[in-house]
Structure formats: C-alpha cells, structure tokens
C-alpha cells in the first residue's frame, strides 16, 4: 500500500504540473498568462485575456487534474487521510509545475476538483458558494477563499470521514491567497470583469 500511495503522489504531482492555462492560451494564440494580465496561469486570468471559451476549457482541465488522481486513489481503496495528500500533490503540481519553470497558479479549481469525488451534494454546495459570492461581490479571489473555508464544514455534514483531508486542501488554498487577502482588506483587489487590471 505504501508503494501504491507514493506512486499515486507522483502521478498526482506530475498531472497537476500540466499547465492548462498556458497550453490553452497557446492553442488560442493568446498571450502567455504568466507574463500578461495578473501573471497568474488560471481561469480568471485566461478569461481576461481570451474570453469565455478558453477560460471554460482551462477550468475543466484544472478541475480534472484534481479529480482524476483522487478518484483513482479512492477506487484503489487508499485511506481517506492519504487521499488528502494526493489532492495536495495535485495542487502543488499546479502551484509549482515541473514542466513550466515551477511558476503556477492558485490551484483553486484543482483543489475543488480533488473534493468532487466526495459526492455531488458537496460539489453542488461548493459550486453554489462560489457563484453566489462572485455574483454578490465580483471578486474571484474572495469567492475562492469563502468556498474553501466552507468546504470542511459542508464535508462534516455530508461525509465526516473526509473532513480532515478537505481541511488540509482548504488551508493550502487559503495560504496561497495571502496576497489577495491583503488586497481585499485594503480595497485594492480587482473584480473578475476588470480586464484592464493586473492583480488576481
């Protein structure tokens, strides 16, 4: 089991290291998201650079980077806590991608993707939380922070066994957003539709 777990960690990190944003921007002949806009290779920046279709494709692939390794680990009967580490490995691949100079994104979509195998009820609550927060505030970063903060609470009521792994993922994403939290506090964060601004 230990060998299988280590193998799944490696697969999760290597899969997470595939930068969907960079590849999709190349396909659509858009600027490199690491060098333009906010400099963050993620869905929001791709949306600002290229619109809905590239952004949706980026989102889908980033979600799958988290979902597939965790789902595979689940079917291989890997322990719940260890599944949390597999999800974290996927996120770390996204944040520090091996193939792209270790400069990646915030891993929000990948983290949410890693939580999706827990169930459709959790998925619906997470997606709903993100949409409602964006609709009310316009801040993608705030929506991400609130959604992952609520994730362990939702999980506790749905499948308590996975509360700790989800909390681990949530903490990673919140720490990754420390600069956004500072900008939100000082009123300098840009909203999702502000294409001319560079922070995210």
N, C-alpha and C. Protein backbone atom coordinates (compact mmCIF):
# COMPACT_ATOMS: atom_id res chain seq x y z
N UNK A 1 0.82 -1.21 0.00
CA UNK A 1 0.00 0.00 0.00
C UNK A 1 0.86 1.27 0.00
N UNK A 2 2.00 1.20 0.73
CA UNK A 2 2.88 2.38 0.78
C UNK A 2 3.42 2.70 -0.61
N UNK A 3 3.81 1.66 -1.35
CA UNK A 3 4.34 1.87 -2.70
C UNK A 3 3.27 2.46 -3.61
N UNK A 4 2.04 1.95 -3.48
CA UNK A 4 0.93 2.45 -4.29
C UNK A 4 0.65 3.91 -3.97
N UNK A 5 0.69 4.26 -2.69
CA UNK A 5 0.45 5.64 -2.27
C UNK A 5 1.51 6.57 -2.84
N UNK A 6 2.78 6.18 -2.76
CA UNK A 6 3.88 7.00 -3.30
C UNK A 6 3.72 7.18 -4.81
N UNK A 7 3.33 6.10 -5.48
CA UNK A 7 3.11 6.16 -6.93
C UNK A 7 1.99 7.14 -7.26
N UNK A 8 0.91 7.09 -6.48
CA UNK A 8 -0.22 8.00 -6.72
C UNK A 8 0.16 9.44 -6.43
N UNK A 9 1.01 9.65 -5.41
CA UNK A 9 1.51 11.01 -5.13
C UNK A 9 2.27 11.55 -6.34
N UNK A 10 3.14 10.73 -6.91
CA UNK A 10 3.94 11.14 -8.06
C UNK A 10 3.05 11.44 -9.26
N UNK A 11 2.08 10.55 -9.51
CA UNK A 11 1.17 10.76 -10.63
C UNK A 11 0.37 12.04 -10.45
N UNK A 12 -0.11 12.27 -9.20
CA UNK A 12 -0.90 13.47 -8.92
C UNK A 12 -0.07 14.73 -9.16
N UNK A 13 1.17 14.73 -8.69
CA UNK A 13 2.01 15.92 -8.88
C UNK A 13 2.32 16.15 -10.36
N UNK A 14 2.67 15.10 -11.06
CA UNK A 14 3.03 15.23 -12.48
C UNK A 14 1.81 15.65 -13.32
N UNK A 15 0.65 15.12 -12.97
CA UNK A 15 -0.59 15.52 -13.67
C UNK A 15 -0.92 16.97 -13.35
N UNK A 16 -0.79 17.34 -12.08
CA UNK A 16 -1.05 18.71 -11.68
C UNK A 16 -0.11 19.70 -12.34
N UNK A 17 1.09 19.25 -12.71
CA UNK A 17 2.09 20.13 -13.31
C UNK A 17 1.77 20.54 -14.74
N UNK A 18 0.78 19.90 -15.33
CA UNK A 18 0.38 20.28 -16.69
C UNK A 18 -0.41 21.58 -16.61
N UNK A 19 0.15 22.65 -17.11
CA UNK A 19 -0.49 23.97 -17.00
C UNK A 19 -1.53 24.15 -18.10
N UNK A 20 -2.78 23.92 -17.74
CA UNK A 20 -3.88 24.06 -18.70
C UNK A 20 -3.94 25.46 -19.28
N UNK A 21 -3.75 26.46 -18.42
CA UNK A 21 -3.86 27.85 -18.86
C UNK A 21 -2.83 28.17 -19.94
N UNK A 22 -1.59 27.77 -19.72
CA UNK A 22 -0.53 28.06 -20.68
C UNK A 22 -0.79 27.35 -22.00
N UNK A 23 -1.14 26.07 -21.94
CA UNK A 23 -1.36 25.29 -23.15
C UNK A 23 -2.56 25.80 -23.94
N UNK A 24 -3.65 26.11 -23.25
CA UNK A 24 -4.85 26.60 -23.93
C UNK A 24 -4.61 27.98 -24.54
N UNK A 25 -3.86 28.82 -23.84
CA UNK A 25 -3.52 30.13 -24.41
C UNK A 25 -2.67 29.97 -25.67
N UNK A 26 -1.79 28.97 -25.69
CA UNK A 26 -1.00 28.72 -26.90
C UNK A 26 -1.89 28.27 -28.05
N UNK A 27 -2.84 27.38 -27.74
CA UNK A 27 -3.74 26.87 -28.77
C UNK A 27 -4.58 28.00 -29.37
N UNK A 28 -5.04 28.91 -28.51
CA UNK A 28 -5.89 30.01 -28.97
C UNK A 28 -5.08 31.25 -29.36
N UNK A 29 -3.74 31.09 -29.39
CA UNK A 29 -2.85 32.18 -29.77
C UNK A 29 -3.05 33.43 -28.89
N UNK A 30 -3.17 33.19 -27.61
CA UNK A 30 -3.32 34.26 -26.64
C UNK A 30 -1.98 34.53 -25.96
N UNK A 31 -1.81 35.67 -25.30
CA UNK A 31 -0.57 35.93 -24.57
C UNK A 31 -0.35 34.90 -23.46
N UNK A 32 0.90 34.70 -23.09
CA UNK A 32 1.24 33.79 -22.00
C UNK A 32 0.65 34.34 -20.70
N UNK A 33 -0.25 33.60 -20.04
CA UNK A 33 -0.89 34.12 -18.83
C UNK A 33 0.07 34.34 -17.66
N UNK A 34 1.28 33.78 -17.78
CA UNK A 34 2.27 34.01 -16.73
C UNK A 34 2.97 35.35 -16.88
N UNK A 35 2.82 35.96 -18.06
CA UNK A 35 3.52 37.21 -18.34
C UNK A 35 2.57 38.39 -18.59
N UNK A 36 1.29 38.10 -18.75
CA UNK A 36 0.32 39.17 -19.02
C UNK A 36 -0.84 39.09 -18.04
N UNK A 37 -1.60 40.19 -17.99
CA UNK A 37 -2.71 40.24 -17.05
C UNK A 37 -2.19 40.21 -15.63
N UNK A 38 -2.76 39.33 -14.82
CA UNK A 38 -2.34 39.22 -13.42
C UNK A 38 -1.05 38.43 -13.26
N UNK A 39 -0.64 37.72 -14.34
CA UNK A 39 0.54 36.86 -14.25
C UNK A 39 0.23 35.51 -13.65
N UNK A 40 -1.03 35.27 -13.33
CA UNK A 40 -1.45 34.01 -12.73
C UNK A 40 -2.05 33.09 -13.80
N UNK A 41 -1.45 31.91 -14.04
CA UNK A 41 -1.99 30.99 -15.04
C UNK A 41 -3.20 30.22 -14.52
N UNK A 42 -4.33 30.91 -14.50
CA UNK A 42 -5.55 30.30 -14.00
C UNK A 42 -6.75 30.77 -14.80
N UNK A 43 -7.92 30.28 -14.44
CA UNK A 43 -9.14 30.54 -15.19
C UNK A 43 -9.46 32.03 -15.31
N UNK A 44 -9.37 32.75 -14.20
CA UNK A 44 -9.74 34.17 -14.21
C UNK A 44 -8.86 34.97 -15.16
N UNK A 45 -7.56 34.74 -15.11
CA UNK A 45 -6.66 35.48 -15.99
C UNK A 45 -6.86 35.09 -17.45
N UNK A 46 -7.10 33.82 -17.71
CA UNK A 46 -7.37 33.39 -19.09
C UNK A 46 -8.65 34.04 -19.60
N UNK A 47 -9.64 34.18 -18.72
CA UNK A 47 -10.89 34.86 -19.11
C UNK A 47 -10.60 36.31 -19.50
N UNK A 48 -9.77 36.97 -18.72
CA UNK A 48 -9.45 38.36 -19.03
C UNK A 48 -8.69 38.48 -20.35
N UNK A 49 -7.85 37.49 -20.63
CA UNK A 49 -7.02 37.54 -21.83
C UNK A 49 -7.73 37.06 -23.08
N UNK A 50 -8.65 36.09 -22.91
CA UNK A 50 -9.22 35.48 -24.11
C UNK A 50 -10.71 35.23 -24.13
N UNK A 51 -11.39 35.52 -23.03
CA UNK A 51 -12.83 35.34 -23.03
C UNK A 51 -13.29 34.00 -22.48
N UNK A 52 -14.56 33.69 -22.73
CA UNK A 52 -15.22 32.57 -22.06
C UNK A 52 -14.71 31.19 -22.46
N UNK A 53 -14.60 30.93 -23.76
CA UNK A 53 -14.27 29.57 -24.20
C UNK A 53 -12.91 29.11 -23.66
N UNK A 54 -11.82 29.87 -23.86
CA UNK A 54 -10.54 29.45 -23.28
C UNK A 54 -10.61 29.31 -21.76
N UNK A 55 -11.36 30.21 -21.11
CA UNK A 55 -11.47 30.15 -19.65
C UNK A 55 -12.19 28.89 -19.20
N UNK A 56 -13.27 28.54 -19.88
CA UNK A 56 -14.03 27.33 -19.52
C UNK A 56 -13.17 26.08 -19.72
N UNK A 57 -12.45 26.03 -20.82
CA UNK A 57 -11.57 24.87 -21.06
C UNK A 57 -10.49 24.78 -19.99
N UNK A 58 -9.92 25.91 -19.61
CA UNK A 58 -8.91 25.94 -18.54
C UNK A 58 -9.51 25.42 -17.24
N UNK A 59 -10.70 25.88 -16.92
CA UNK A 59 -11.37 25.46 -15.69
C UNK A 59 -11.61 23.95 -15.68
N UNK A 60 -12.13 23.42 -16.77
CA UNK A 60 -12.45 21.99 -16.85
C UNK A 60 -11.20 21.15 -16.66
N UNK A 61 -10.13 21.49 -17.37
CA UNK A 61 -8.91 20.69 -17.27
C UNK A 61 -8.25 20.83 -15.90
N UNK A 62 -8.32 22.03 -15.30
CA UNK A 62 -7.75 22.21 -13.97
C UNK A 62 -8.52 21.41 -12.92
N UNK A 63 -9.83 21.35 -13.07
CA UNK A 63 -10.65 20.54 -12.16
C UNK A 63 -10.30 19.06 -12.30
N UNK A 64 -10.18 18.60 -13.54
CA UNK A 64 -9.86 17.19 -13.78
C UNK A 64 -8.50 16.80 -13.21
N UNK A 65 -7.56 17.73 -13.18
CA UNK A 65 -6.23 17.44 -12.61
C UNK A 65 -6.34 17.04 -11.14
N UNK A 66 -7.33 17.59 -10.45
CA UNK A 66 -7.54 17.22 -9.05
C UNK A 66 -8.42 16.01 -8.91
N UNK A 67 -9.45 15.91 -9.76
CA UNK A 67 -10.44 14.84 -9.62
C UNK A 67 -9.88 13.46 -9.96
N UNK A 68 -9.18 13.36 -11.08
CA UNK A 68 -8.76 12.04 -11.58
C UNK A 68 -7.82 11.31 -10.61
N UNK A 69 -6.75 11.93 -10.12
CA UNK A 69 -5.87 11.19 -9.19
C UNK A 69 -6.57 10.79 -7.89
N UNK A 70 -7.41 11.69 -7.34
CA UNK A 70 -8.10 11.38 -6.09
C UNK A 70 -9.13 10.29 -6.31
N UNK A 71 -9.85 10.36 -7.41
CA UNK A 71 -10.85 9.34 -7.70
C UNK A 71 -10.16 7.98 -7.89
N UNK A 72 -9.03 7.99 -8.59
CA UNK A 72 -8.28 6.74 -8.78
C UNK A 72 -7.84 6.18 -7.43
N UNK A 73 -7.35 7.06 -6.56
CA UNK A 73 -6.93 6.62 -5.23
C UNK A 73 -8.08 6.06 -4.42
N UNK A 74 -9.26 6.66 -4.57
CA UNK A 74 -10.46 6.19 -3.88
C UNK A 74 -10.80 4.76 -4.31
N UNK A 75 -10.77 4.51 -5.63
CA UNK A 75 -11.11 3.18 -6.12
C UNK A 75 -10.02 2.15 -5.81
N UNK A 76 -8.82 2.64 -5.56
CA UNK A 76 -7.73 1.74 -5.14
C UNK A 76 -7.75 1.51 -3.63
N UNK A 77 -8.79 2.07 -2.97
CA UNK A 77 -9.02 1.89 -1.53
C UNK A 77 -7.90 2.48 -0.67
N UNK A 78 -7.37 3.60 -1.12
CA UNK A 78 -6.37 4.32 -0.32
C UNK A 78 -7.09 5.06 0.80
N UNK A 79 -6.49 5.08 1.98
CA UNK A 79 -7.08 5.69 3.17
C UNK A 79 -7.47 7.15 2.93
N UNK A 80 -8.54 7.59 3.63
CA UNK A 80 -9.09 8.93 3.43
C UNK A 80 -8.05 10.02 3.66
N UNK A 81 -7.27 9.92 4.73
CA UNK A 81 -6.25 10.93 5.02
C UNK A 81 -5.22 10.97 3.90
N UNK A 82 -4.83 9.81 3.42
CA UNK A 82 -3.83 9.76 2.35
C UNK A 82 -4.39 10.33 1.05
N UNK A 83 -5.71 10.19 0.84
CA UNK A 83 -6.33 10.82 -0.34
C UNK A 83 -6.16 12.33 -0.28
N UNK A 84 -6.19 12.87 0.95
CA UNK A 84 -5.96 14.31 1.12
C UNK A 84 -4.58 14.70 0.63
N UNK A 85 -3.59 13.87 0.93
CA UNK A 85 -2.22 14.16 0.47
C UNK A 85 -2.10 14.04 -1.04
N UNK A 86 -2.86 13.13 -1.64
CA UNK A 86 -2.86 13.00 -3.10
C UNK A 86 -3.45 14.27 -3.72
N UNK A 87 -4.54 14.77 -3.12
CA UNK A 87 -5.12 16.01 -3.59
C UNK A 87 -4.16 17.18 -3.46
N UNK A 88 -3.44 17.22 -2.34
CA UNK A 88 -2.45 18.28 -2.13
C UNK A 88 -1.33 18.17 -3.16
N UNK A 89 -0.92 16.94 -3.49
CA UNK A 89 0.13 16.75 -4.50
C UNK A 89 -0.31 17.31 -5.85
N UNK A 90 -1.58 17.10 -6.20
CA UNK A 90 -2.11 17.66 -7.45
C UNK A 90 -2.05 19.18 -7.42
N UNK A 91 -2.43 19.76 -6.28
CA UNK A 91 -2.42 21.22 -6.14
C UNK A 91 -1.00 21.77 -6.19
N UNK A 92 -0.08 21.07 -5.53
CA UNK A 92 1.32 21.52 -5.55
C UNK A 92 1.90 21.44 -6.95
N UNK A 93 1.45 20.45 -7.74
CA UNK A 93 1.86 20.38 -9.13
C UNK A 93 1.37 21.60 -9.90
N UNK A 94 0.13 22.02 -9.61
CA UNK A 94 -0.42 23.21 -10.27
C UNK A 94 0.31 24.48 -9.83
N UNK A 95 0.62 24.56 -8.54
CA UNK A 95 1.27 25.75 -7.99
C UNK A 95 2.74 25.82 -8.40
N UNK A 96 3.42 24.65 -8.39
CA UNK A 96 4.84 24.58 -8.75
C UNK A 96 5.03 23.55 -9.85
N UNK A 97 4.59 23.86 -11.08
CA UNK A 97 4.61 22.88 -12.17
C UNK A 97 6.02 22.53 -12.65
N UNK A 98 6.30 21.25 -12.67
CA UNK A 98 7.61 20.76 -13.08
C UNK A 98 7.96 21.17 -14.50
N UNK A 99 6.96 21.16 -15.39
CA UNK A 99 7.21 21.40 -16.82
C UNK A 99 7.20 22.88 -17.20
N UNK A 100 6.85 23.76 -16.28
CA UNK A 100 6.68 25.17 -16.61
C UNK A 100 7.43 26.08 -15.66
N UNK A 101 8.66 25.67 -15.34
CA UNK A 101 9.53 26.52 -14.53
C UNK A 101 9.07 26.75 -13.11
N UNK A 102 8.22 25.85 -12.61
CA UNK A 102 7.74 25.90 -11.23
C UNK A 102 6.96 27.19 -10.92
N UNK A 103 6.43 27.83 -11.97
CA UNK A 103 5.60 29.02 -11.77
C UNK A 103 4.18 28.70 -12.19
N UNK A 104 3.31 28.50 -11.19
CA UNK A 104 1.95 28.10 -11.49
C UNK A 104 0.91 29.01 -10.89
N UNK A 105 -0.31 28.49 -10.78
CA UNK A 105 -1.44 29.29 -10.33
C UNK A 105 -1.79 29.07 -8.87
N UNK A 106 -3.04 29.42 -8.55
CA UNK A 106 -3.50 29.37 -7.15
C UNK A 106 -4.09 28.01 -6.78
N UNK A 107 -4.39 27.18 -7.78
CA UNK A 107 -4.86 25.79 -7.56
C UNK A 107 -6.28 25.70 -7.00
N UNK A 108 -7.07 26.74 -7.16
CA UNK A 108 -8.44 26.70 -6.65
C UNK A 108 -9.25 25.61 -7.36
N UNK A 109 -9.27 25.64 -8.69
CA UNK A 109 -10.05 24.67 -9.46
C UNK A 109 -9.54 23.25 -9.21
N UNK A 110 -8.23 23.09 -9.10
CA UNK A 110 -7.66 21.76 -8.85
C UNK A 110 -8.05 21.25 -7.47
N UNK A 111 -8.04 22.12 -6.48
CA UNK A 111 -8.46 21.73 -5.12
C UNK A 111 -9.93 21.34 -5.10
N UNK A 112 -10.77 22.14 -5.75
CA UNK A 112 -12.19 21.81 -5.81
C UNK A 112 -12.40 20.49 -6.56
N UNK A 113 -11.62 20.29 -7.61
CA UNK A 113 -11.70 19.02 -8.34
C UNK A 113 -11.33 17.84 -7.46
N UNK A 114 -10.36 18.03 -6.59
CA UNK A 114 -9.95 16.96 -5.68
C UNK A 114 -11.04 16.63 -4.67
N UNK A 115 -11.92 17.60 -4.39
CA UNK A 115 -13.02 17.38 -3.44
C UNK A 115 -14.25 16.76 -4.09
N UNK A 116 -14.36 16.85 -5.41
CA UNK A 116 -15.56 16.40 -6.11
C UNK A 116 -15.88 14.92 -5.90
N UNK A 117 -14.89 14.01 -5.83
CA UNK A 117 -15.23 12.60 -5.63
C UNK A 117 -15.99 12.31 -4.34
N UNK A 118 -15.99 13.24 -3.40
CA UNK A 118 -16.72 13.02 -2.14
C UNK A 118 -18.22 12.91 -2.41
N UNK A 119 -18.71 13.60 -3.43
CA UNK A 119 -20.12 13.47 -3.76
C UNK A 119 -20.68 14.66 -4.48
N UNK A 120 -21.78 14.45 -5.20
CA UNK A 120 -22.42 15.52 -5.96
C UNK A 120 -23.02 16.57 -5.04
N UNK A 121 -23.44 16.17 -3.84
CA UNK A 121 -24.03 17.14 -2.92
C UNK A 121 -22.98 18.16 -2.48
N UNK A 122 -21.77 17.68 -2.16
CA UNK A 122 -20.69 18.60 -1.81
C UNK A 122 -20.32 19.46 -3.01
N UNK A 123 -20.24 18.85 -4.18
CA UNK A 123 -19.90 19.59 -5.39
C UNK A 123 -20.88 20.74 -5.62
N UNK A 124 -22.18 20.44 -5.47
CA UNK A 124 -23.19 21.47 -5.67
C UNK A 124 -23.06 22.61 -4.67
N UNK A 125 -22.78 22.28 -3.42
CA UNK A 125 -22.63 23.31 -2.39
C UNK A 125 -21.42 24.19 -2.68
N UNK A 126 -20.31 23.57 -3.10
CA UNK A 126 -19.09 24.33 -3.38
C UNK A 126 -19.28 25.25 -4.59
N UNK A 127 -19.83 24.69 -5.65
CA UNK A 127 -20.06 25.49 -6.86
C UNK A 127 -21.04 26.62 -6.57
N UNK A 128 -22.10 26.29 -5.82
CA UNK A 128 -23.09 27.31 -5.46
C UNK A 128 -22.50 28.42 -4.62
N UNK A 129 -21.64 28.06 -3.67
CA UNK A 129 -20.99 29.07 -2.81
C UNK A 129 -20.13 30.01 -3.64
N UNK A 130 -19.38 29.43 -4.59
CA UNK A 130 -18.51 30.24 -5.44
C UNK A 130 -19.33 31.20 -6.30
N UNK A 131 -20.39 30.68 -6.92
CA UNK A 131 -21.21 31.50 -7.81
C UNK A 131 -21.89 32.63 -7.05
N UNK A 132 -22.45 32.30 -5.90
CA UNK A 132 -23.16 33.32 -5.11
C UNK A 132 -22.20 34.42 -4.67
N UNK A 133 -21.00 34.03 -4.23
CA UNK A 133 -20.04 35.03 -3.76
C UNK A 133 -19.57 35.93 -4.90
N UNK A 134 -19.31 35.33 -6.06
CA UNK A 134 -18.90 36.13 -7.22
C UNK A 134 -20.02 37.07 -7.63
N UNK A 135 -21.26 36.55 -7.64
CA UNK A 135 -22.41 37.37 -8.04
C UNK A 135 -22.58 38.57 -7.12
N UNK A 136 -22.39 38.35 -5.82
CA UNK A 136 -22.59 39.42 -4.84
C UNK A 136 -21.41 40.40 -4.82
N UNK A 137 -20.19 39.85 -4.86
CA UNK A 137 -19.01 40.70 -4.66
C UNK A 137 -18.25 41.05 -5.94
N UNK A 138 -18.25 40.11 -6.91
CA UNK A 138 -17.47 40.32 -8.12
C UNK A 138 -16.02 39.89 -7.98
N UNK A 139 -15.63 39.42 -6.78
CA UNK A 139 -14.24 39.03 -6.54
C UNK A 139 -14.05 37.53 -6.66
N UNK A 140 -13.27 37.11 -7.65
CA UNK A 140 -12.97 35.69 -7.81
C UNK A 140 -12.18 35.16 -6.63
N UNK A 141 -11.22 35.95 -6.15
CA UNK A 141 -10.38 35.51 -5.03
C UNK A 141 -11.20 35.34 -3.76
N UNK A 142 -12.11 36.27 -3.49
CA UNK A 142 -12.95 36.17 -2.30
C UNK A 142 -13.86 34.96 -2.39
N UNK A 143 -14.38 34.69 -3.59
CA UNK A 143 -15.22 33.52 -3.78
C UNK A 143 -14.44 32.24 -3.49
N UNK A 144 -13.20 32.20 -3.94
CA UNK A 144 -12.36 31.03 -3.69
C UNK A 144 -12.10 30.84 -2.20
N UNK A 145 -11.76 31.92 -1.52
CA UNK A 145 -11.45 31.86 -0.09
C UNK A 145 -12.67 31.42 0.72
N UNK A 146 -13.82 32.01 0.43
CA UNK A 146 -15.04 31.65 1.16
C UNK A 146 -15.44 30.21 0.87
N UNK A 147 -15.35 29.80 -0.39
CA UNK A 147 -15.74 28.45 -0.77
C UNK A 147 -14.89 27.39 -0.09
N UNK A 148 -13.57 27.55 -0.12
CA UNK A 148 -12.72 26.54 0.51
C UNK A 148 -12.81 26.60 2.04
N UNK A 149 -13.16 27.76 2.58
CA UNK A 149 -13.34 27.86 4.03
C UNK A 149 -14.59 27.10 4.47
N UNK A 150 -15.62 27.12 3.63
CA UNK A 150 -16.85 26.40 3.94
C UNK A 150 -16.75 24.91 3.65
N UNK A 151 -15.80 24.52 2.78
CA UNK A 151 -15.70 23.13 2.35
C UNK A 151 -15.60 22.12 3.50
N UNK A 152 -14.73 22.35 4.52
CA UNK A 152 -14.67 21.38 5.62
C UNK A 152 -15.98 21.29 6.40
N UNK A 153 -16.69 22.41 6.52
CA UNK A 153 -17.98 22.42 7.23
C UNK A 153 -19.00 21.59 6.47
N UNK A 154 -19.09 21.82 5.16
CA UNK A 154 -20.01 21.04 4.33
C UNK A 154 -19.67 19.55 4.42
N UNK A 155 -18.37 19.25 4.34
CA UNK A 155 -17.93 17.86 4.35
C UNK A 155 -18.29 17.18 5.67
N UNK A 156 -18.18 17.91 6.77
CA UNK A 156 -18.50 17.35 8.09
C UNK A 156 -19.94 16.83 8.14
N UNK A 157 -20.85 17.55 7.47
CA UNK A 157 -22.26 17.15 7.48
C UNK A 157 -22.57 16.10 6.43
N UNK A 158 -21.72 16.00 5.40
CA UNK A 158 -22.00 15.06 4.30
C UNK A 158 -21.26 13.74 4.48
N UNK A 159 -19.94 13.80 4.61
CA UNK A 159 -19.11 12.61 4.83
C UNK A 159 -17.98 12.97 5.80
N UNK A 160 -18.25 12.91 7.11
CA UNK A 160 -17.28 13.36 8.13
C UNK A 160 -15.89 12.74 7.99
N UNK A 161 -15.82 11.53 7.44
CA UNK A 161 -14.54 10.85 7.29
C UNK A 161 -13.52 11.67 6.51
N UNK A 162 -14.02 12.51 5.60
CA UNK A 162 -13.14 13.26 4.72
C UNK A 162 -12.92 14.71 5.17
N UNK A 163 -13.37 15.04 6.37
CA UNK A 163 -13.26 16.42 6.84
C UNK A 163 -11.81 16.87 6.95
N UNK A 164 -10.95 16.06 7.54
CA UNK A 164 -9.54 16.44 7.71
C UNK A 164 -8.83 16.60 6.37
N UNK A 165 -8.95 15.63 5.44
CA UNK A 165 -8.31 15.83 4.12
C UNK A 165 -8.79 17.11 3.42
N UNK A 166 -10.10 17.39 3.50
CA UNK A 166 -10.63 18.59 2.86
C UNK A 166 -10.09 19.84 3.56
N UNK A 167 -10.00 19.80 4.89
CA UNK A 167 -9.44 20.93 5.63
C UNK A 167 -7.99 21.19 5.24
N UNK A 168 -7.23 20.13 4.97
CA UNK A 168 -5.84 20.27 4.54
C UNK A 168 -5.77 21.00 3.20
N UNK A 169 -6.62 20.60 2.29
CA UNK A 169 -6.66 21.27 0.98
C UNK A 169 -7.08 22.72 1.12
N UNK A 170 -8.08 22.96 1.95
CA UNK A 170 -8.59 24.32 2.15
C UNK A 170 -7.52 25.24 2.70
N UNK A 171 -6.76 24.74 3.68
CA UNK A 171 -5.70 25.54 4.28
C UNK A 171 -4.64 25.92 3.24
N UNK A 172 -4.29 24.97 2.38
CA UNK A 172 -3.30 25.24 1.33
C UNK A 172 -3.77 26.37 0.42
N UNK A 173 -5.04 26.33 0.02
CA UNK A 173 -5.57 27.34 -0.90
C UNK A 173 -5.65 28.70 -0.22
N UNK A 174 -6.06 28.73 1.05
CA UNK A 174 -6.13 30.00 1.77
C UNK A 174 -4.75 30.62 1.91
N UNK A 175 -3.75 29.80 2.23
CA UNK A 175 -2.38 30.31 2.34
C UNK A 175 -1.89 30.84 0.99
N UNK A 176 -2.29 30.19 -0.07
CA UNK A 176 -1.90 30.61 -1.41
C UNK A 176 -2.50 31.97 -1.77
N UNK A 177 -3.59 32.34 -1.09
CA UNK A 177 -4.28 33.60 -1.36
C UNK A 177 -3.93 34.71 -0.37
N UNK A 178 -2.81 34.58 0.32
CA UNK A 178 -2.47 35.58 1.35
C UNK A 178 -2.35 36.98 0.77
N UNK A 179 -1.78 37.11 -0.43
CA UNK A 179 -1.66 38.43 -1.06
C UNK A 179 -3.03 38.99 -1.44
N UNK A 180 -3.91 38.11 -1.91
CA UNK A 180 -5.27 38.54 -2.25
C UNK A 180 -6.02 39.03 -1.01
N UNK A 181 -5.80 38.32 0.10
CA UNK A 181 -6.46 38.72 1.36
C UNK A 181 -6.02 40.12 1.76
N UNK A 182 -4.73 40.40 1.61
CA UNK A 182 -4.22 41.74 1.93
C UNK A 182 -4.85 42.79 1.03
N UNK A 183 -4.93 42.49 -0.28
CA UNK A 183 -5.51 43.46 -1.21
C UNK A 183 -7.01 43.66 -0.96
N UNK A 184 -7.70 42.59 -0.62
CA UNK A 184 -9.12 42.71 -0.29
C UNK A 184 -9.30 43.60 0.94
N UNK A 185 -8.46 43.41 1.92
CA UNK A 185 -8.54 44.19 3.15
C UNK A 185 -8.33 45.68 2.89
N UNK A 186 -7.38 45.97 1.98
CA UNK A 186 -7.05 47.37 1.68
C UNK A 186 -7.87 47.94 0.51
N UNK A 187 -8.80 47.14 -0.03
CA UNK A 187 -9.66 47.61 -1.11
C UNK A 187 -8.97 47.75 -2.45
N UNK A 188 -7.91 46.97 -2.68
CA UNK A 188 -7.15 47.09 -3.93
C UNK A 188 -7.30 45.88 -4.84
N UNK A 189 -8.13 44.95 -4.48
CA UNK A 189 -8.32 43.75 -5.31
C UNK A 189 -9.22 44.08 -6.50
N UNK A 190 -8.90 43.52 -7.68
CA UNK A 190 -9.72 43.77 -8.86
C UNK A 190 -10.82 42.72 -8.96
N UNK A 191 -11.94 43.13 -9.55
CA UNK A 191 -13.06 42.21 -9.74
C UNK A 191 -12.84 41.39 -11.00
N UNK A 192 -13.59 40.32 -11.11
CA UNK A 192 -13.37 39.33 -12.17
C UNK A 192 -13.54 39.92 -13.57
N UNK A 193 -14.38 40.95 -13.70
CA UNK A 193 -14.62 41.52 -15.04
C UNK A 193 -13.70 42.70 -15.35
N UNK A 194 -12.78 43.04 -14.43
CA UNK A 194 -11.88 44.16 -14.66
C UNK A 194 -10.69 43.72 -15.52
N UNK A 195 -10.89 43.69 -16.82
CA UNK A 195 -9.86 43.16 -17.72
C UNK A 195 -8.61 44.03 -17.76
N UNK A 196 -8.74 45.25 -17.44
CA UNK A 196 -7.58 46.15 -17.51
C UNK A 196 -6.67 46.08 -16.31
N UNK A 197 -7.09 45.41 -15.24
CA UNK A 197 -6.28 45.37 -14.02
C UNK A 197 -5.46 44.10 -13.97
N UNK A 198 -4.44 44.12 -13.11
CA UNK A 198 -3.47 43.04 -13.17
C UNK A 198 -3.41 42.15 -11.95
N UNK A 199 -4.08 42.47 -10.84
CA UNK A 199 -3.99 41.56 -9.71
C UNK A 199 -5.10 40.54 -9.77
N UNK A 200 -4.88 39.43 -9.04
CA UNK A 200 -5.89 38.36 -9.04
C UNK A 200 -5.75 37.56 -7.77
